[in-house]
Amino acid sequence: MTTAKERLQAHAEALRASSFWPYLCAPSDCSKAPHRGPEGPNEDMGQCGQCGSPSWSMRPWGETFGYHLDDCSLPIWHESRCQPGGTGHPDAPTIRG
């Protein structure tokens, strides 16, 4: 029986061998790894252009998924989760979700 990691590796190998995405590297060899899902309000689902793995990307400026913490201490446009202990910032013009 194969593990999920082995199946993912086999899938990546099959994609690289196809004529559609011959430039993909194996997820285990990706220099942009480790990949993660979206975490904060400024992030959305994305895909790594180097290995094809699911990952995250920044949402367009002025758009969030949900709200920042009321006391977010990071700049309005930040990666990952909000950090408490600041003064917060105004809501984005477009709030999804």
Protein backbone atom coordinates (compact mmCIF):
# COMPACT_ATOMS: atom_id res chain seq x y z
CA MET A 1 0.00 0.00 0.00
CA THR A 2 1.36 3.43 -0.92
CA THR A 3 1.35 6.46 1.33
CA ALA A 4 -0.13 9.82 0.42
CA LYS A 5 3.39 11.24 0.04
CA GLU A 6 4.32 8.46 -2.40
CA ARG A 7 1.13 9.04 -4.40
CA LEU A 8 1.84 12.77 -4.54
CA GLN A 9 5.39 12.09 -5.72
CA ALA A 10 4.09 9.69 -8.39
CA HIS A 11 1.55 12.28 -9.52
CA ALA A 12 4.27 14.96 -9.79
CA GLU A 13 6.45 12.56 -11.79
CA ALA A 14 3.55 11.85 -14.15
CA LEU A 15 2.94 15.58 -14.65
CA ARG A 16 6.61 16.20 -15.42
CA ALA A 17 6.61 13.33 -17.90
CA SER A 18 3.57 14.70 -19.71
CA SER A 19 4.07 17.08 -22.60
CA PHE A 20 1.78 19.63 -20.90
CA TRP A 21 4.05 20.48 -17.93
CA PRO A 22 7.51 19.08 -18.67
CA TYR A 23 9.21 21.89 -16.73
CA LEU A 24 7.80 20.94 -13.31
CA CYS A 25 10.20 19.75 -10.65
CA ALA A 26 9.29 17.18 -8.02
CA PRO A 27 7.63 18.74 -4.94
CA SER A 28 10.42 17.31 -2.79
CA ASP A 29 13.01 19.16 -4.93
CA CYS A 30 11.15 22.49 -5.05
CA SER A 31 13.24 25.45 -3.92
CA LYS A 32 10.04 27.31 -2.92
CA ALA A 33 8.95 24.53 -0.52
CA PRO A 34 7.47 24.04 1.96
CA HIS A 35 4.13 25.00 0.52
CA ARG A 36 1.22 25.95 2.74
CA GLY A 37 -2.37 26.97 2.38
CA PRO A 38 -3.64 30.54 2.82
CA GLU A 39 -3.51 31.74 6.41
CA GLY A 40 -4.39 35.41 6.71
CA PRO A 41 -7.03 37.72 5.30
CA ASN A 42 -4.77 38.93 2.47
CA GLU A 43 -4.05 35.43 1.13
CA ASP A 44 -5.85 33.13 -1.29
CA MET A 45 -5.31 29.66 -2.78
CA GLY A 46 -2.56 29.51 -5.35
CA GLN A 47 -0.27 27.09 -7.14
CA CYS A 48 3.49 26.89 -7.19
CA GLY A 49 4.78 27.63 -10.68
CA GLN A 50 7.88 25.55 -10.07
CA CYS A 51 6.41 22.20 -8.96
CA GLY A 52 2.63 22.59 -9.42
CA SER A 53 1.84 21.99 -5.74
CA PRO A 54 -1.12 23.77 -4.14
CA SER A 55 0.08 26.78 -2.22
CA TRP A 56 -1.00 30.35 -1.45
CA SER A 57 -0.84 33.73 -3.15
CA MET A 58 -1.58 37.28 -2.13
CA ARG A 59 -5.05 38.59 -2.93
CA PRO A 60 -5.34 41.74 -5.04
CA TRP A 61 -4.69 44.99 -3.17
CA GLY A 62 -7.84 46.20 -1.43
CA GLU A 63 -9.44 42.75 -1.16
CA THR A 64 -9.50 40.47 1.88
CA PHE A 65 -11.15 37.22 2.85
CA GLY A 66 -12.81 38.20 6.09
CA TYR A 67 -11.47 40.87 8.41
CA HIS A 68 -8.14 41.69 10.04
CA LEU A 69 -7.93 41.57 13.83
CA ASP A 70 -9.23 44.76 15.43
CA ASP A 71 -5.78 45.30 16.96
CA CYS A 72 -3.63 43.98 14.07
CA SER A 73 -0.07 45.24 14.53
CA LEU A 74 1.10 44.42 10.98
CA PRO A 75 0.87 46.71 7.94
CA ILE A 76 -2.48 46.60 6.12
CA TRP A 77 -0.94 44.43 3.34
CA HIS A 78 0.78 41.51 5.10
CA GLU A 79 1.39 37.81 4.64
CA SER A 80 0.08 35.19 7.05
CA ARG A 81 -2.12 35.74 10.09
CA CYS A 82 -2.67 39.04 11.85
CA GLN A 83 -0.60 39.69 14.96
CA PRO A 84 -2.38 41.36 17.90
CA GLY A 85 -1.05 44.26 19.94
CA GLY A 86 -1.33 47.12 17.47
CA THR A 87 -3.80 49.82 16.57
CA GLY A 88 -5.41 47.99 13.65
CA HIS A 89 -6.30 49.48 10.28
CA PRO A 90 -9.41 50.20 8.21
CA ASP A 91 -11.37 47.43 6.49
CA ALA A 92 -10.56 46.64 2.87
CA PRO A 93 -12.90 48.09 0.24
CA THR A 94 -13.77 44.53 -0.90
CA ILE A 95 -14.32 41.82 1.73
CA ARG A 96 -14.94 38.31 0.48
CA GLY A 97 -16.29 35.59 2.73
